[in-house]
C-alpha atoms as a PDB file:
ATOM      1  CA  UNK A   1      15.541  17.442 -35.356  1.00  0.00           C
ATOM      2  CA  UNK A   2      16.909  20.269 -33.952  1.00  0.00           C
ATOM      3  CA  UNK A   3      14.293  22.543 -35.667  1.00  0.00           C
ATOM      4  CA  UNK A   4      11.996  19.951 -34.373  1.00  0.00           C
ATOM      5  CA  UNK A   5      13.277  21.231 -30.347  1.00  0.00           C
ATOM      6  CA  UNK A   6      13.518  24.805 -31.549  1.00  0.00           C
ATOM      7  CA  UNK A   7       9.833  24.721 -32.839  1.00  0.00           C
ATOM      8  CA  UNK A   8       8.900  22.965 -29.768  1.00  0.00           C
ATOM      9  CA  UNK A   9      10.333  25.607 -27.398  1.00  0.00           C
ATOM     10  CA  UNK A  10       8.694  28.250 -29.610  1.00  0.00           C
ATOM     11  CA  UNK A  11       5.589  26.853 -29.374  1.00  0.00           C
ATOM     12  CA  UNK A  12       5.669  26.054 -25.598  1.00  0.00           C
ATOM     13  CA  UNK A  13       6.583  30.083 -24.999  1.00  0.00           C
ATOM     14  CA  UNK A  14       3.935  31.009 -27.521  1.00  0.00           C
ATOM     15  CA  UNK A  15       0.942  28.737 -25.412  1.00  0.00           C
ATOM     16  CA  UNK A  16       2.448  29.531 -21.862  1.00  0.00           C
ATOM     17  CA  UNK A  17      -1.207  31.562 -21.620  1.00  0.00           C
ATOM     18  CA  UNK A  18      -3.347  28.516 -22.353  1.00  0.00           C
ATOM     19  CA  UNK A  19      -1.218  26.517 -19.612  1.00  0.00           C
ATOM     20  CA  UNK A  20      -2.946  27.819 -16.547  1.00  0.00           C
ATOM     21  CA  UNK A  21      -6.159  25.815 -18.764  1.00  0.00           C
ATOM     22  CA  UNK A  22      -4.387  22.862 -18.979  1.00  0.00           C
ATOM     23  CA  UNK A  23      -5.099  22.045 -22.396  1.00  0.00           C
ATOM     24  CA  UNK A  24      -3.532  19.362 -24.953  1.00  0.00           C
ATOM     25  CA  UNK A  25      -2.053  20.439 -27.330  1.00  0.00           C
ATOM     26  CA  UNK A  26      -1.294  18.629 -30.906  1.00  0.00           C
ATOM     27  CA  UNK A  27       1.666  19.341 -32.475  1.00  0.00           C
ATOM     28  CA  UNK A  28       1.571  18.175 -36.531  1.00  0.00           C
ATOM     29  CA  UNK A  29       4.135  20.617 -37.667  1.00  0.00           C
ATOM     30  CA  UNK A  30       6.717  17.701 -36.850  1.00  0.00           C
ATOM     31  CA  UNK A  31       7.617  14.501 -39.164  1.00  0.00           C
ATOM     32  CA  UNK A  32       6.034  12.540 -35.901  1.00  0.00           C
ATOM     33  CA  UNK A  33       2.556  13.878 -33.835  1.00  0.00           C
ATOM     34  CA  UNK A  34       3.484  14.449 -30.703  1.00  0.00           C
ATOM     35  CA  UNK A  35       1.098  15.177 -27.847  1.00  0.00           C
ATOM     36  CA  UNK A  36       1.954  17.870 -25.049  1.00  0.00           C
ATOM     37  CA  UNK A  37       0.233  18.482 -22.114  1.00  0.00           C
ATOM     38  CA  UNK A  38       0.984  22.081 -20.351  1.00  0.00           C
ATOM     39  CA  UNK A  39       0.450  22.053 -16.519  1.00  0.00           C
ATOM     40  CA  UNK A  40      -0.127  25.075 -14.165  1.00  0.00           C
ATOM     41  CA  UNK A  41       3.034  25.214 -12.260  1.00  0.00           C
ATOM     42  CA  UNK A  42       2.808  24.066  -8.381  1.00  0.00           C
ATOM     43  CA  UNK A  43       4.636  26.158  -6.951  1.00  0.00           C
ATOM     44  CA  UNK A  44       2.490  29.559  -8.039  1.00  0.00           C
ATOM     45  CA  UNK A  45       1.069  31.671  -5.143  1.00  0.00           C
ATOM     46  CA  UNK A  46      -2.369  30.585  -5.984  1.00  0.00           C
ATOM     47  CA  UNK A  47      -1.465  26.673  -6.206  1.00  0.00           C
ATOM     48  CA  UNK A  48       0.271  27.184  -2.749  1.00  0.00           C
ATOM     49  CA  UNK A  49      -2.989  28.633  -1.222  1.00  0.00           C
ATOM     50  CA  UNK A  50      -5.359  25.554  -3.048  1.00  0.00           C
ATOM     51  CA  UNK A  51      -2.734  22.990  -1.488  1.00  0.00           C
ATOM     52  CA  UNK A  52      -3.438  24.452   2.234  1.00  0.00           C
ATOM     53  CA  UNK A  53      -6.955  24.692   1.448  1.00  0.00           C
ATOM     54  CA  UNK A  54      -6.781  21.086   0.406  1.00  0.00           C
ATOM     55  CA  UNK A  55      -5.137  19.487   3.297  1.00  0.00           C
ATOM     56  CA  UNK A  56      -7.388  21.516   5.904  1.00  0.00           C
ATOM     57  CA  UNK A  57     -10.476  20.432   3.846  1.00  0.00           C
ATOM     58  CA  UNK A  58      -8.981  17.189   4.118  1.00  0.00           C
ATOM     59  CA  UNK A  59      -8.538  17.763   7.794  1.00  0.00           C
ATOM     60  CA  UNK A  60     -11.839  19.040   8.621  1.00  0.00           C
ATOM     61  CA  UNK A  61     -13.417  15.672   6.858  1.00  0.00           C
ATOM     62  CA  UNK A  62     -10.874  13.142   9.103  1.00  0.00           C
ATOM     63  CA  UNK A  63     -12.114  15.365  12.142  1.00  0.00           C
ATOM     64  CA  UNK A  64     -15.652  14.687  11.129  1.00  0.00           C
ATOM     65  CA  UNK A  65     -15.427  10.952  10.495  1.00  0.00           C
ATOM     66  CA  UNK A  66     -13.814  10.166  14.065  1.00  0.00           C
ATOM     67  CA  UNK A  67     -16.449  12.083  15.730  1.00  0.00           C
ATOM     68  CA  UNK A  68     -19.379  10.384  14.066  1.00  0.00           C
ATOM     69  CA  UNK A  69     -17.302   7.013  14.893  1.00  0.00           C
ATOM     70  CA  UNK A  70     -16.597   6.388  11.202  1.00  0.00           C
ATOM     71  CA  UNK A  71     -12.784   5.749  11.735  1.00  0.00           C
ATOM     72  CA  UNK A  72     -10.894   4.278  14.946  1.00  0.00           C
ATOM     73  CA  UNK A  73      -8.996   6.548  16.591  1.00  0.00           C
ATOM     74  CA  UNK A  74      -5.629   4.742  15.414  1.00  0.00           C
ATOM     75  CA  UNK A  75      -6.974   5.447  11.509  1.00  0.00           C
ATOM     76  CA  UNK A  76      -7.986   9.156  12.934  1.00  0.00           C
ATOM     77  CA  UNK A  77      -4.256   9.607  14.393  1.00  0.00           C
ATOM     78  CA  UNK A  78      -2.782   8.249  10.963  1.00  0.00           C
ATOM     79  CA  UNK A  79      -4.287  10.470   8.640  1.00  0.00           C
ATOM     80  CA  UNK A  80      -3.798  13.400  10.959  1.00  0.00           C
ATOM     81  CA  UNK A  81       0.153  12.476  10.597  1.00  0.00           C
ATOM     82  CA  UNK A  82      -0.364  11.823   6.706  1.00  0.00           C
ATOM     83  CA  UNK A  83      -1.496  15.369   6.719  1.00  0.00           C
ATOM     84  CA  UNK A  84       0.714  16.731   8.874  1.00  0.00           C
ATOM     85  CA  UNK A  85       3.953  15.751   6.899  1.00  0.00           C
ATOM     86  CA  UNK A  86       1.773  17.448   3.257  1.00  0.00           C
ATOM     87  CA  UNK A  87       1.664  20.543   5.505  1.00  0.00           C
ATOM     88  CA  UNK A  88       5.241  20.136   6.153  1.00  0.00           C
ATOM     89  CA  UNK A  89       6.077  19.828   2.879  1.00  0.00           C
ATOM     90  CA  UNK A  90       3.719  22.472   2.023  1.00  0.00           C
ATOM     91  CA  UNK A  91       5.615  24.804   3.968  1.00  0.00           C
ATOM     92  CA  UNK A  92       9.093  24.035   2.903  1.00  0.00           C
ATOM     93  CA  UNK A  93       7.908  25.006  -0.857  1.00  0.00           C
ATOM     94  CA  UNK A  94       5.874  28.492   0.493  1.00  0.00           C
ATOM     95  CA  UNK A  95       9.788  29.311   2.022  1.00  0.00           C
ATOM     96  CA  UNK A  96      11.480  28.938  -1.004  1.00  0.00           C
ATOM     97  CA  UNK A  97       8.817  30.949  -3.176  1.00  0.00           C
ATOM     98  CA  UNK A  98       9.744  34.272  -4.327  1.00  0.00           C
ATOM     99  CA  UNK A  99       6.407  36.364  -3.563  1.00  0.00           C
ATOM    100  CA  UNK A 100       5.917  39.406  -5.885  1.00  0.00           C
ATOM    101  CA  UNK A 101       5.741  43.218  -5.018  1.00  0.00           C
ATOM    102  CA  UNK A 102       1.791  42.861  -5.376  1.00  0.00           C
ATOM    103  CA  UNK A 103       1.635  39.442  -3.424  1.00  0.00           C
ATOM    104  CA  UNK A 104       1.971  41.075   0.118  1.00  0.00           C
ATOM    105  CA  UNK A 105      -1.235  40.136   1.259  1.00  0.00           C
ATOM    106  CA  UNK A 106      -0.266  36.036   0.439  1.00  0.00           C
ATOM    107  CA  UNK A 107       3.268  36.936   1.863  1.00  0.00           C
ATOM    108  CA  UNK A 108       1.367  38.464   5.327  1.00  0.00           C
ATOM    109  CA  UNK A 109      -1.038  35.000   4.731  1.00  0.00           C
ATOM    110  CA  UNK A 110       1.843  32.862   4.833  1.00  0.00           C
ATOM    111  CA  UNK A 111       4.645  34.389   6.842  1.00  0.00           C
ATOM    112  CA  UNK A 112       2.560  36.398   9.556  1.00  0.00           C
ATOM    113  CA  UNK A 113      -0.026  34.118   9.907  1.00  0.00           C
ATOM    114  CA  UNK A 114       0.179  30.336   8.865  1.00  0.00           C
ATOM    115  CA  UNK A 115       4.055  29.777   9.633  1.00  0.00           C
ATOM    116  CA  UNK A 116       3.938  31.756  12.784  1.00  0.00           C
ATOM    117  CA  UNK A 117       1.443  29.322  14.475  1.00  0.00           C
ATOM    118  CA  UNK A 118       1.142  25.920  14.758  1.00  0.00           C
ATOM    119  CA  UNK A 119      -1.857  24.442  12.703  1.00  0.00           C
ATOM    120  CA  UNK A 120      -5.166  22.917  13.729  1.00  0.00           C
ATOM    121  CA  UNK A 121      -3.395  19.646  12.640  1.00  0.00           C
ATOM    122  CA  UNK A 122      -0.649  20.271  14.798  1.00  0.00           C
ATOM    123  CA  UNK A 123      -2.490  21.370  17.724  1.00  0.00           C
ATOM    124  CA  UNK A 124      -4.395  17.776  17.646  1.00  0.00           C
ATOM    125  CA  UNK A 125      -1.352  15.711  16.919  1.00  0.00           C
ATOM    126  CA  UNK A 126      -0.197  17.851  19.881  1.00  0.00           C
ATOM    127  CA  UNK A 127      -3.006  17.408  22.024  1.00  0.00           C
ATOM    128  CA  UNK A 128      -2.679  13.369  21.373  1.00  0.00           C
ATOM    129  CA  UNK A 129       1.077  13.252  22.535  1.00  0.00           C
ATOM    130  CA  UNK A 130       0.908  14.830  25.254  1.00  0.00           C
ATOM    131  CA  UNK A 131      -2.047  12.504  26.846  1.00  0.00           C
ATOM    132  CA  UNK A 132      -1.225  10.475  29.754  1.00  0.00           C
END
C-alpha cells in the first residue's frame, strides 16, 4: 500500500505538465485500477483573470436581460448581489495570490486597477441603494 502511494505521488509529479490539459489518467500499475483527474489550479494568475472575465460577462448578460425587459428589476438586483459576492470572493483570492516577478502586468491590472476602483457591478448596486 505504501508503495502504491509513493508511485502515485511520483506519477503526479511527472504528469504535472499535462495538468493544464485536464487529462484523465488510468493508473494500472496497482492492484486496483484507479482513475485520477488532475485539474488546473484555481489560484493561478490566468485562472483568477478568467474568473473575473466570467463574472463581467455574466454582468453584461444580466444588464442586457434587464434592459430588454426579460427579467424584472428585483431579479436583476438579486443577480447583481450574487455577482458581487463572487467578485468579493475573487478579490480575496487575488489579495492572497503571490505574483511572480514576470507577472507585473497582471499585478498592476489587479492592484492598480480592479481592486483600486469600484467595479461596474458595485457601481450599479450603489446606484440602486442610493435611490429614494
